[in-house]
Amino acid sequence: MGIDYYAILEINRNATDADIKKSYRRLALKNHPGRRPDYFDAFRDIAEAYDVLSDLRKKATYDKFGEEGLKGGVPQEFVGNGAWSAPYVFHENPNKTFRLFFGGDNPFADFSAGAEDGSGGVPSQERRSQDGPIERDLSLTLDDLYHGCTKKIKISRRVMNEDGHTSSIKEKILSIAVKPGWNEGTRVTFPEEGDQGPNSVPADIVFIVRQKPHPWFTRQRDNLVYKASISLEMALTGFSVDVETLDGRLVNIPVNDIVHPGYSKVVPAEGMPLSQRPGGLRGDLVLTFDTQFPPKLSPESKRLIKHALSL
């Protein structure tokens, strides 16, 4: 058969792609010329073995036809079986294979530093780092946050191919279960769903809740605030307000107090669900008022008001 790539990588023929990568990592670090200058030939053979066995088509050709078939080319009738039809020629640059696997232009440059800091002689580039989180806004209506809902978001991310060297763009659907009562600023984290790289941990993707404006409610944490426009007469003599709640009920709220500047009326348990306290507990509904004063009064109206207020 000629060269035994499996023996070079110290694996058997049933080895998985993960086994191949693991063995190459171990042997490439062990035999790198930066550590053992007299082992360049072994380092080169390890690179060639990995270049063949980590590529499904090259591996299929090698497994069936051996080194001779791999490097001599495969007859045309075998091409349909996934075989590599063109003769294989190793690029003779084991450092290129090493760089593609570990990342970086000079991935063994910090080897000595790794040995000094107690990392066991592993290059600094092998100790994979993670980029900061990718933050995106998650825009939700007040109704979404009141009732809870499920949002499905499509993302595009770079994913490493099976060869461990190249990558492609793939789409993925992330599902977010919005709980009733979530506040603005709530963060939902999907660990390691960012772009993949040969020598880095994918970044986390973080969605941050942003609340869309509502036509008649504003929100103050767990409370809902409703502003009613009333006349001066109503402010002084009493009235009632009909408020349609977010769950579709029409609540009649009587106001018998004098509505002075800064006055508000609290209706308990008609606000937002308390997400941190399950069991149906809710915040409050707070009514505030915009009192409309008459643009002018007749002398008789002024006299009557003065009389009424003096009683």
C-alpha atoms as a PDB file:
ATOM      1  CA  MET A   1       0.000   0.000   0.000  1.00  0.00           C
ATOM      2  CA  GLY A   2       2.978   2.354   0.425  1.00  0.00           C
ATOM      3  CA  ILE A   3       2.668   5.079   3.054  1.00  0.00           C
ATOM      4  CA  ASP A   4       0.390   4.161   5.967  1.00  0.00           C
ATOM      5  CA  TYR A   5      -1.242   7.457   6.882  1.00  0.00           C
ATOM      6  CA  TYR A   6      -3.185   5.830   9.718  1.00  0.00           C
ATOM      7  CA  ALA A   7       0.030   4.571  11.335  1.00  0.00           C
ATOM      8  CA  ILE A   8       1.619   8.007  10.984  1.00  0.00           C
ATOM      9  CA  LEU A   9      -1.285   9.587  12.902  1.00  0.00           C
ATOM     10  CA  GLU A  10      -1.326   6.629  15.333  1.00  0.00           C
ATOM     11  CA  ILE A  11      -5.011   5.856  14.713  1.00  0.00           C
ATOM     12  CA  ASN A  12      -6.918   2.920  13.269  1.00  0.00           C
ATOM     13  CA  ARG A  13      -9.064   2.811  10.145  1.00  0.00           C
ATOM     14  CA  ASN A  14     -12.254   3.216  12.133  1.00  0.00           C
ATOM     15  CA  ALA A  15     -11.135   6.612  13.475  1.00  0.00           C
ATOM     16  CA  THR A  16     -13.693   9.389  13.327  1.00  0.00           C
ATOM     17  CA  ASP A  17     -13.058  12.891  12.021  1.00  0.00           C
ATOM     18  CA  ALA A  18     -12.736  14.051  15.633  1.00  0.00           C
ATOM     19  CA  ASP A  19     -10.150  11.310  16.290  1.00  0.00           C
ATOM     20  CA  ILE A  20      -8.146  12.432  13.251  1.00  0.00           C
ATOM     21  CA  LYS A  21      -8.129  16.060  14.384  1.00  0.00           C
ATOM     22  CA  LYS A  22      -7.239  15.117  17.958  1.00  0.00           C
ATOM     23  CA  SER A  23      -4.325  12.959  16.867  1.00  0.00           C
ATOM     24  CA  TYR A  24      -3.000  15.569  14.440  1.00  0.00           C
ATOM     25  CA  ARG A  25      -3.147  18.225  17.153  1.00  0.00           C
ATOM     26  CA  ARG A  26      -1.175  16.066  19.567  1.00  0.00           C
ATOM     27  CA  LEU A  27       1.470  14.878  17.107  1.00  0.00           C
ATOM     28  CA  ALA A  28       1.921  18.229  15.357  1.00  0.00           C
ATOM     29  CA  LEU A  29       2.626  19.937  18.684  1.00  0.00           C
ATOM     30  CA  LYS A  30       4.908  17.125  19.813  1.00  0.00           C
ATOM     31  CA  ASN A  31       6.981  17.084  16.619  1.00  0.00           C
ATOM     32  CA  HIS A  32       6.934  20.744  15.614  1.00  0.00           C
ATOM     33  CA  PRO A  33      10.407  21.997  14.542  1.00  0.00           C
ATOM     34  CA  GLY A  34      10.005  24.889  16.965  1.00  0.00           C
ATOM     35  CA  ARG A  35      10.278  22.317  19.699  1.00  0.00           C
ATOM     36  CA  ARG A  36      12.278  19.553  17.997  1.00  0.00           C
ATOM     37  CA  PRO A  37      14.237  20.951  15.023  1.00  0.00           C
ATOM     38  CA  ASP A  38      15.489  17.486  14.010  1.00  0.00           C
ATOM     39  CA  TYR A  39      11.931  16.181  13.573  1.00  0.00           C
ATOM     40  CA  PHE A  40      10.969  18.169  10.470  1.00  0.00           C
ATOM     41  CA  ASP A  41      10.530  15.020   8.336  1.00  0.00           C
ATOM     42  CA  ALA A  42       8.131  13.550  10.885  1.00  0.00           C
ATOM     43  CA  PHE A  43       6.323  16.887  11.103  1.00  0.00           C
ATOM     44  CA  ARG A  44       5.949  16.901   7.324  1.00  0.00           C
ATOM     45  CA  ASP A  45       4.622  13.312   7.214  1.00  0.00           C
ATOM     46  CA  ILE A  46       2.075  14.108   9.933  1.00  0.00           C
ATOM     47  CA  ALA A  47       0.865  17.095   7.906  1.00  0.00           C
ATOM     48  CA  GLU A  48       0.475  15.020   4.745  1.00  0.00           C
ATOM     49  CA  ALA A  49      -1.364  12.258   6.589  1.00  0.00           C
ATOM     50  CA  TYR A  50      -3.770  14.799   8.077  1.00  0.00           C
ATOM     51  CA  ASP A  51      -4.234  16.538   4.708  1.00  0.00           C
ATOM     52  CA  VAL A  52      -5.395  13.229   3.208  1.00  0.00           C
ATOM     53  CA  LEU A  53      -7.412  11.693   6.036  1.00  0.00           C
ATOM     54  CA  SER A  54      -9.258  14.895   6.973  1.00  0.00           C
ATOM     55  CA  ASP A  55     -10.616  15.238   3.413  1.00  0.00           C
ATOM     56  CA  LEU A  56     -13.475  12.825   2.759  1.00  0.00           C
ATOM     57  CA  ARG A  57     -12.778  12.390  -0.971  1.00  0.00           C
ATOM     58  CA  LYS A  58      -9.026  11.931  -0.573  1.00  0.00           C
ATOM     59  CA  LYS A  59      -9.598   9.526   2.309  1.00  0.00           C
ATOM     60  CA  ALA A  60     -12.103   7.499   0.268  1.00  0.00           C
ATOM     61  CA  THR A  61      -9.606   7.170  -2.577  1.00  0.00           C
ATOM     62  CA  TYR A  62      -6.765   6.239  -0.218  1.00  0.00           C
ATOM     63  CA  ASP A  63      -8.858   3.673   1.642  1.00  0.00           C
ATOM     64  CA  LYS A  64      -9.804   1.918  -1.595  1.00  0.00           C
ATOM     65  CA  PHE A  65      -6.720   2.329  -3.795  1.00  0.00           C
ATOM     66  CA  GLY A  66      -3.887   3.098  -1.374  1.00  0.00           C
ATOM     67  CA  GLU A  67      -1.112   5.618  -1.917  1.00  0.00           C
ATOM     68  CA  GLU A  68      -0.582   4.471  -5.509  1.00  0.00           C
ATOM     69  CA  GLY A  69      -4.183   5.142  -6.487  1.00  0.00           C
ATOM     70  CA  LEU A  70      -4.265   8.415  -4.551  1.00  0.00           C
ATOM     71  CA  LYS A  71      -1.113   9.842  -6.125  1.00  0.00           C
ATOM     72  CA  GLY A  72      -1.442   8.180  -9.506  1.00  0.00           C
ATOM     73  CA  GLY A  73      -5.040   9.107 -10.196  1.00  0.00           C
ATOM     74  CA  VAL A  74      -8.136   6.923 -10.289  1.00  0.00           C
ATOM     75  CA  PRO A  75      -9.648   5.438 -13.468  1.00  0.00           C
ATOM     76  CA  GLN A  76     -12.685   7.365 -14.693  1.00  0.00           C
ATOM     77  CA  GLU A  77     -15.144   4.563 -13.912  1.00  0.00           C
ATOM     78  CA  PHE A  78     -14.460   4.976 -10.201  1.00  0.00           C
ATOM     79  CA  VAL A  79     -15.091   8.718 -10.047  1.00  0.00           C
ATOM     80  CA  GLY A  80     -18.793   8.221  -9.342  1.00  0.00           C
ATOM     81  CA  ASN A  81     -17.919   6.452  -6.087  1.00  0.00           C
ATOM     82  CA  GLY A  82     -16.626   9.613  -4.498  1.00  0.00           C
ATOM     83  CA  ALA A  83     -13.000   8.918  -5.457  1.00  0.00           C
ATOM     84  CA  TRP A  84     -10.457  11.628  -6.172  1.00  0.00           C
ATOM     85  CA  SER A  85     -10.032  11.515  -9.940  1.00  0.00           C
ATOM     86  CA  ALA A  86      -6.976  13.784 -10.218  1.00  0.00           C
ATOM     87  CA  PRO A  87      -3.561  12.665  -8.870  1.00  0.00           C
ATOM     88  CA  TYR A  88      -2.949  13.917  -5.339  1.00  0.00           C
ATOM     89  CA  VAL A  89       0.168  15.992  -4.700  1.00  0.00           C
ATOM     90  CA  PHE A  90       0.984  17.212  -1.203  1.00  0.00           C
ATOM     91  CA  HIS A  91       1.789  20.922  -1.133  1.00  0.00           C
ATOM     92  CA  GLU A  92       5.027  20.217   0.809  1.00  0.00           C
ATOM     93  CA  ASN A  93       4.367  23.009   3.301  1.00  0.00           C
ATOM     94  CA  PRO A  94       3.586  21.398   6.683  1.00  0.00           C
ATOM     95  CA  ASN A  95       3.648  24.817   8.349  1.00  0.00           C
ATOM     96  CA  LYS A  96       0.714  25.833   6.123  1.00  0.00           C
ATOM     97  CA  THR A  97      -1.295  22.866   7.394  1.00  0.00           C
ATOM     98  CA  PHE A  98      -0.306  23.762  10.949  1.00  0.00           C
ATOM     99  CA  ARG A  99      -1.373  27.404  10.517  1.00  0.00           C
ATOM    100  CA  LEU A 100      -4.713  26.461   8.983  1.00  0.00           C
ATOM    101  CA  PHE A 101      -5.426  24.070  11.831  1.00  0.00           C
ATOM    102  CA  PHE A 102      -4.403  26.282  14.745  1.00  0.00           C
ATOM    103  CA  GLY A 103      -4.959  29.738  13.205  1.00  0.00           C
ATOM    104  CA  GLY A 104      -2.572  32.684  12.991  1.00  0.00           C
ATOM    105  CA  ASP A 105       0.338  33.531  10.725  1.00  0.00           C
ATOM    106  CA  ASN A 106       2.920  32.089  13.103  1.00  0.00           C
ATOM    107  CA  PRO A 107       1.012  29.818  15.439  1.00  0.00           C
ATOM    108  CA  PHE A 108       4.121  28.382  17.128  1.00  0.00           C
ATOM    109  CA  ALA A 109       5.819  31.690  17.871  1.00  0.00           C
ATOM    110  CA  ASP A 110       4.754  31.760  21.538  1.00  0.00           C
ATOM    111  CA  PHE A 111       5.612  28.156  22.322  1.00  0.00           C
ATOM    112  CA  SER A 112       8.355  29.040  24.795  1.00  0.00           C
ATOM    113  CA  ALA A 113       6.088  31.486  26.595  1.00  0.00           C
ATOM    114  CA  GLY A 114       3.479  28.767  26.955  1.00  0.00           C
ATOM    115  CA  ALA A 115       6.026  26.499  28.585  1.00  0.00           C
ATOM    116  CA  GLU A 116       7.086  29.193  31.037  1.00  0.00           C
ATOM    117  CA  ASP A 117       3.559  30.037  32.202  1.00  0.00           C
ATOM    118  CA  GLY A 118       2.807  26.428  33.083  1.00  0.00           C
ATOM    119  CA  SER A 119       0.529  25.629  30.162  1.00  0.00           C
ATOM    120  CA  GLY A 120       2.540  22.530  29.292  1.00  0.00           C
ATOM    121  CA  GLY A 121       4.198  23.844  26.149  1.00  0.00           C
ATOM    122  CA  VAL A 122       0.986  24.478  24.216  1.00  0.00           C
ATOM    123  CA  PRO A 123       1.151  27.430  21.792  1.00  0.00           C
ATOM    124  CA  SER A 124      -0.851  30.435  22.897  1.00  0.00           C
ATOM    125  CA  GLN A 125      -2.951  30.232  19.732  1.00  0.00           C
ATOM    126  CA  GLU A 126      -4.113  26.766  20.725  1.00  0.00           C
ATOM    127  CA  ARG A 127      -5.661  28.146  23.889  1.00  0.00           C
ATOM    128  CA  ARG A 128      -8.822  29.272  22.188  1.00  0.00           C
ATOM    129  CA  SER A 129     -10.205  32.703  22.983  1.00  0.00           C
ATOM    130  CA  GLN A 130     -13.770  33.936  22.671  1.00  0.00           C
ATOM    131  CA  ASP A 131     -14.866  37.254  21.211  1.00  0.00           C
ATOM    132  CA  GLY A 132     -17.233  39.505  23.114  1.00  0.00           C
ATOM    133  CA  PRO A 133     -20.978  38.863  22.844  1.00  0.00           C
ATOM    134  CA  ILE A 134     -22.925  39.926  19.755  1.00  0.00           C
ATOM    135  CA  GLU A 135     -25.845  42.045  20.975  1.00  0.00           C
ATOM    136  CA  ARG A 136     -29.080  42.484  19.044  1.00  0.00           C
ATOM    137  CA  ASP A 137     -32.329  44.247  19.903  1.00  0.00           C
ATOM    138  CA  LEU A 138     -35.484  42.171  20.344  1.00  0.00           C
ATOM    139  CA  SER A 139     -38.402  44.543  19.677  1.00  0.00           C
ATOM    140  CA  LEU A 140     -41.605  43.462  21.422  1.00  0.00           C
ATOM    141  CA  THR A 141     -45.025  45.032  21.813  1.00  0.00           C
ATOM    142  CA  LEU A 142     -46.524  45.632  25.232  1.00  0.00           C
ATOM    143  CA  ASP A 143     -49.051  42.907  24.398  1.00  0.00           C
ATOM    144  CA  ASP A 144     -46.181  40.470  23.744  1.00  0.00           C
ATOM    145  CA  LEU A 145     -44.730  41.291  27.152  1.00  0.00           C
ATOM    146  CA  TYR A 146     -48.117  41.100  28.877  1.00  0.00           C
ATOM    147  CA  HIS A 147     -49.211  37.723  27.534  1.00  0.00           C
ATOM    148  CA  GLY A 148     -45.865  36.123  26.712  1.00  0.00           C
ATOM    149  CA  CYS A 149     -45.107  34.677  23.295  1.00  0.00           C
ATOM    150  CA  THR A 150     -42.553  32.757  21.253  1.00  0.00           C
ATOM    151  CA  LYS A 151     -40.336  34.604  18.799  1.00  0.00           C
ATOM    152  CA  LYS A 152     -38.359  32.783  16.121  1.00  0.00           C
ATOM    153  CA  ILE A 153     -35.386  34.647  14.719  1.00  0.00           C
ATOM    154  CA  LYS A 154     -33.334  33.603  11.702  1.00  0.00           C
ATOM    155  CA  ILE A 155     -29.589  34.194  11.953  1.00  0.00           C
ATOM    156  CA  SER A 156     -26.775  33.614   9.462  1.00  0.00           C
ATOM    157  CA  ARG A 157     -23.491  32.358  10.857  1.00  0.00           C
ATOM    158  CA  ARG A 158     -20.175  31.084   9.543  1.00  0.00           C
ATOM    159  CA  VAL A 159     -19.757  27.365  10.234  1.00  0.00           C
ATOM    160  CA  MET A 160     -16.570  25.339   9.851  1.00  0.00           C
ATOM    161  CA  ASN A 161     -16.763  22.574   7.266  1.00  0.00           C
ATOM    162  CA  GLU A 162     -15.809  18.994   8.002  1.00  0.00           C
ATOM    163  CA  ASP A 163     -12.311  19.495   6.624  1.00  0.00           C
ATOM    164  CA  GLY A 164     -11.535  21.825   9.545  1.00  0.00           C
ATOM    165  CA  HIS A 165     -10.017  24.402   7.176  1.00  0.00           C
ATOM    166  CA  THR A 166     -12.821  26.017   5.212  1.00  0.00           C
ATOM    167  CA  SER A 167     -16.135  27.466   6.293  1.00  0.00           C
ATOM    168  CA  SER A 168     -19.521  28.317   4.840  1.00  0.00           C
ATOM    169  CA  ILE A 169     -22.497  30.506   5.713  1.00  0.00           C
ATOM    170  CA  LYS A 170     -25.508  28.670   7.114  1.00  0.00           C
ATOM    171  CA  GLU A 171     -28.829  29.869   8.462  1.00  0.00           C
ATOM    172  CA  LYS A 172     -30.309  28.841  11.789  1.00  0.00           C
ATOM    173  CA  ILE A 173     -33.578  29.561  13.593  1.00  0.00           C
ATOM    174  CA  LEU A 174     -33.296  30.628  17.242  1.00  0.00           C
ATOM    175  CA  SER A 175     -36.442  30.342  19.359  1.00  0.00           C
ATOM    176  CA  ILE A 176     -37.067  32.756  22.245  1.00  0.00           C
ATOM    177  CA  ALA A 177     -39.813  31.972  24.779  1.00  0.00           C
ATOM    178  CA  VAL A 178     -40.859  35.415  26.033  1.00  0.00           C
ATOM    179  CA  LYS A 179     -42.222  35.171  29.571  1.00  0.00           C
ATOM    180  CA  PRO A 180     -45.146  37.374  30.662  1.00  0.00           C
ATOM    181  CA  GLY A 181     -43.876  40.429  32.495  1.00  0.00           C
ATOM    182  CA  TRP A 182     -40.364  40.643  31.049  1.00  0.00           C
ATOM    183  CA  ASN A 183     -38.948  44.140  31.434  1.00  0.00           C
ATOM    184  CA  GLU A 184     -37.172  46.353  28.963  1.00  0.00           C
ATOM    185  CA  GLY A 185     -33.510  45.396  28.981  1.00  0.00           C
ATOM    186  CA  THR A 186     -34.041  41.688  29.697  1.00  0.00           C
ATOM    187  CA  ARG A 187     -31.176  39.757  28.096  1.00  0.00           C
ATOM    188  CA  VAL A 188     -31.536  36.376  26.388  1.00  0.00           C
ATOM    189  CA  THR A 189     -28.231  34.625  25.692  1.00  0.00           C
ATOM    190  CA  PHE A 190     -27.543  31.889  23.137  1.00  0.00           C
ATOM    191  CA  PRO A 191     -24.075  30.573  24.023  1.00  0.00           C
ATOM    192  CA  GLU A 192     -21.543  30.152  21.199  1.00  0.00           C
ATOM    193  CA  GLU A 193     -23.972  30.817  18.326  1.00  0.00           C
ATOM    194  CA  GLY A 194     -21.660  33.324  16.618  1.00  0.00           C
ATOM    195  CA  ASP A 195     -19.293  32.642  13.726  1.00  0.00           C
ATOM    196  CA  GLN A 196     -17.076  29.591  14.054  1.00  0.00           C
ATOM    197  CA  GLY A 197     -13.337  29.794  13.447  1.00  0.00           C
ATOM    198  CA  PRO A 198     -10.489  27.275  13.385  1.00  0.00           C
ATOM    199  CA  ASN A 199      -8.967  28.504  16.637  1.00  0.00           C
ATOM    200  CA  SER A 200     -11.624  30.478  18.484  1.00  0.00           C
ATOM    201  CA  VAL A 201     -14.719  29.866  20.548  1.00  0.00           C
ATOM    202  CA  PRO A 202     -17.804  31.276  18.792  1.00  0.00           C
ATOM    203  CA  ALA A 203     -19.171  34.411  20.408  1.00  0.00           C
ATOM    204  CA  ASP A 204     -22.412  34.344  22.373  1.00  0.00           C
ATOM    205  CA  ILE A 205     -25.440  35.989  20.761  1.00  0.00           C
ATOM    206  CA  VAL A 206     -27.424  38.150  23.183  1.00  0.00           C
ATOM    207  CA  PHE A 207     -30.890  39.522  22.458  1.00  0.00           C
ATOM    208  CA  ILE A 208     -31.937  42.565  24.488  1.00  0.00           C
ATOM    209  CA  VAL A 209     -35.645  43.270  24.974  1.00  0.00           C
ATOM    210  CA  ARG A 210     -36.795  46.640  23.624  1.00  0.00           C
ATOM    211  CA  GLN A 211     -40.431  47.616  24.156  1.00  0.00           C
ATOM    212  CA  LYS A 212     -42.392  49.268  21.373  1.00  0.00           C
ATOM    213  CA  PRO A 213     -44.627  52.251  22.285  1.00  0.00           C
ATOM    214  CA  HIS A 214     -48.254  51.493  23.145  1.00  0.00           C
ATOM    215  CA  PRO A 215     -51.112  53.800  22.019  1.00  0.00           C
ATOM    216  CA  TRP A 216     -52.545  54.404  25.504  1.00  0.00           C
ATOM    217  CA  PHE A 217     -50.411  52.684  28.163  1.00  0.00           C
ATOM    218  CA  THR A 218     -46.927  53.542  29.311  1.00  0.00           C
ATOM    219  CA  ARG A 219     -45.012  51.224  31.578  1.00  0.00           C
ATOM    220  CA  GLN A 220     -43.209  51.890  34.833  1.00  0.00           C
ATOM    221  CA  ARG A 221     -41.545  48.567  35.671  1.00  0.00           C
ATOM    222  CA  ASP A 222     -44.499  46.343  36.693  1.00  0.00           C
ATOM    223  CA  ASN A 223     -47.102  49.130  36.656  1.00  0.00           C
ATOM    224  CA  LEU A 224     -49.155  50.365  33.727  1.00  0.00           C
ATOM    225  CA  VAL A 225     -49.885  54.074  33.502  1.00  0.00           C
ATOM    226  CA  TYR A 226     -53.014  55.381  31.759  1.00  0.00           C
ATOM    227  CA  LYS A 227     -53.552  59.102  31.234  1.00  0.00           C
ATOM    228  CA  ALA A 228     -57.179  60.303  31.052  1.00  0.00           C
ATOM    229  CA  SER A 229     -58.186  63.707  29.726  1.00  0.00           C
ATOM    230  CA  ILE A 230     -60.913  65.302  31.895  1.00  0.00           C
ATOM    231  CA  SER A 231     -62.675  68.654  32.218  1.00  0.00           C
ATOM    232  CA  LEU A 232     -62.330  70.991  35.188  1.00  0.00           C
ATOM    233  CA  GLU A 233     -65.917  70.190  36.113  1.00  0.00           C
ATOM    234  CA  MET A 234     -65.087  66.483  36.258  1.00  0.00           C
ATOM    235  CA  ALA A 235     -61.966  67.151  38.282  1.00  0.00           C
ATOM    236  CA  LEU A 236     -64.013  68.996  40.899  1.00  0.00           C
ATOM    237  CA  THR A 237     -67.233  66.979  40.961  1.00  0.00           C
ATOM    238  CA  GLY A 238     -66.247  63.361  40.253  1.00  0.00           C
ATOM    239  CA  PHE A 239     -66.554  61.003  37.318  1.00  0.00           C
ATOM    240  CA  SER A 240     -65.640  57.512  36.147  1.00  0.00           C
ATOM    241  CA  VAL A 241     -63.165  56.257  33.534  1.00  0.00           C
ATOM    242  CA  ASP A 242     -63.515  53.167  31.306  1.00  0.00           C
ATOM    243  CA  VAL A 243     -60.159  51.517  30.614  1.00  0.00           C
ATOM    244  CA  GLU A 244     -59.728  48.600  28.205  1.00  0.00           C
ATOM    245  CA  THR A 245     -57.092  46.306  29.678  1.00  0.00           C
ATOM    246  CA  LEU A 246     -54.481  44.387  27.708  1.00  0.00           C
ATOM    247  CA  ASP A 247     -56.437  41.175  28.196  1.00  0.00           C
ATOM    248  CA  GLY A 248     -59.538  42.699  26.572  1.00  0.00           C
ATOM    249  CA  ARG A 249     -61.643  43.584  29.625  1.00  0.00           C
ATOM    250  CA  LEU A 250     -63.378  46.934  30.068  1.00  0.00           C
ATOM    251  CA  VAL A 251     -62.776  48.169  33.618  1.00  0.00           C
ATOM    252  CA  ASN A 252     -64.917  51.011  35.005  1.00  0.00           C
ATOM    253  CA  ILE A 253     -62.968  53.069  37.546  1.00  0.00           C
ATOM    254  CA  PRO A 254     -64.874  55.655  39.642  1.00  0.00           C
ATOM    255  CA  VAL A 255     -62.987  58.762  40.798  1.00  0.00           C
ATOM    256  CA  ASN A 256     -64.700  60.549  43.680  1.00  0.00           C
ATOM    257  CA  ASP A 257     -61.710  62.565  44.874  1.00  0.00           C
ATOM    258  CA  ILE A 258     -60.915  66.076  43.705  1.00  0.00           C
ATOM    259  CA  VAL A 259     -58.320  65.715  40.967  1.00  0.00           C
ATOM    260  CA  HIS A 260     -55.632  68.212  41.921  1.00  0.00           C
ATOM    261  CA  PRO A 261     -52.287  68.684  40.116  1.00  0.00           C
ATOM    262  CA  GLY A 262     -50.156  65.603  40.725  1.00  0.00           C
ATOM    263  CA  TYR A 263     -53.122  63.422  41.715  1.00  0.00           C
ATOM    264  CA  SER A 264     -53.185  59.817  40.589  1.00  0.00           C
ATOM    265  CA  LYS A 265     -55.441  56.872  41.317  1.00  0.00           C
ATOM    266  CA  VAL A 266     -54.048  53.387  41.811  1.00  0.00           C
ATOM    267  CA  VAL A 267     -56.031  50.304  40.803  1.00  0.00           C
ATOM    268  CA  PRO A 268     -54.314  47.304  42.403  1.00  0.00           C
ATOM    269  CA  ALA A 269     -53.375  44.171  40.428  1.00  0.00           C
ATOM    270  CA  GLU A 270     -54.334  45.520  36.995  1.00  0.00           C
ATOM    271  CA  GLY A 271     -50.777  46.033  35.793  1.00  0.00           C
ATOM    272  CA  MET A 272     -48.131  43.786  34.250  1.00  0.00           C
ATOM    273  CA  PRO A 273     -47.549  40.176  35.342  1.00  0.00           C
ATOM    274  CA  LEU A 274     -44.677  39.798  37.794  1.00  0.00           C
ATOM    275  CA  SER A 275     -42.210  37.604  35.899  1.00  0.00           C
ATOM    276  CA  GLN A 276     -40.096  36.950  38.992  1.00  0.00           C
ATOM    277  CA  ARG A 277     -43.102  35.989  41.151  1.00  0.00           C
ATOM    278  CA  PRO A 278     -45.305  33.391  39.452  1.00  0.00           C
ATOM    279  CA  GLY A 279     -48.825  32.727  40.633  1.00  0.00           C
ATOM    280  CA  GLY A 280     -50.840  35.377  38.826  1.00  0.00           C
ATOM    281  CA  LEU A 281     -49.479  38.356  40.758  1.00  0.00           C
ATOM    282  CA  ARG A 282     -49.518  41.639  38.884  1.00  0.00           C
ATOM    283  CA  GLY A 283     -48.426  45.198  39.267  1.00  0.00           C
ATOM    284  CA  ASP A 284     -50.894  48.093  39.479  1.00  0.00           C
ATOM    285  CA  LEU A 285     -52.771  50.254  37.030  1.00  0.00           C
ATOM    286  CA  VAL A 286     -52.050  53.928  37.706  1.00  0.00           C
ATOM    287  CA  LEU A 287     -54.420  56.574  36.389  1.00  0.00           C
ATOM    288  CA  THR A 288     -53.059  60.056  35.829  1.00  0.00           C
ATOM    289  CA  PHE A 289     -55.082  62.987  34.565  1.00  0.00           C
ATOM    290  CA  ASP A 290     -54.787  65.845  32.124  1.00  0.00           C
ATOM    291  CA  THR A 291     -57.305  68.454  33.282  1.00  0.00           C
ATOM    292  CA  GLN A 292     -58.609  70.687  30.522  1.00  0.00           C
ATOM    293  CA  PHE A 293     -59.381  74.230  31.754  1.00  0.00           C
ATOM    294  CA  PRO A 294     -61.992  76.340  29.931  1.00  0.00           C
ATOM    295  CA  PRO A 295     -60.436  78.983  27.663  1.00  0.00           C
ATOM    296  CA  LYS A 296     -62.637  81.698  29.204  1.00  0.00           C
ATOM    297  CA  LEU A 297     -65.540  82.245  31.637  1.00  0.00           C
ATOM    298  CA  SER A 298     -68.458  84.637  31.499  1.00  0.00           C
ATOM    299  CA  PRO A 299     -68.952  87.052  34.417  1.00  0.00           C
ATOM    300  CA  GLU A 300     -71.987  85.050  35.540  1.00  0.00           C
ATOM    301  CA  SER A 301     -70.001  81.787  35.484  1.00  0.00           C
ATOM    302  CA  LYS A 302     -67.259  83.376  37.572  1.00  0.00           C
ATOM    303  CA  ARG A 303     -69.839  84.634  40.093  1.00  0.00           C
ATOM    304  CA  LEU A 304     -71.390  81.186  40.417  1.00  0.00           C
ATOM    305  CA  ILE A 305     -68.006  79.486  40.825  1.00  0.00           C
ATOM    306  CA  LYS A 306     -66.964  81.945  43.511  1.00  0.00           C
ATOM    307  CA  HIS A 307     -70.216  81.368  45.314  1.00  0.00           C
ATOM    308  CA  ALA A 308     -69.873  77.597  45.088  1.00  0.00           C
ATOM    309  CA  LEU A 309     -66.301  77.613  46.333  1.00  0.00           C
ATOM    310  CA  SER A 310     -67.109  79.874  49.237  1.00  0.00           C
ATOM    311  CA  LEU A 311     -69.669  77.482  50.692  1.00  0.00           C
END
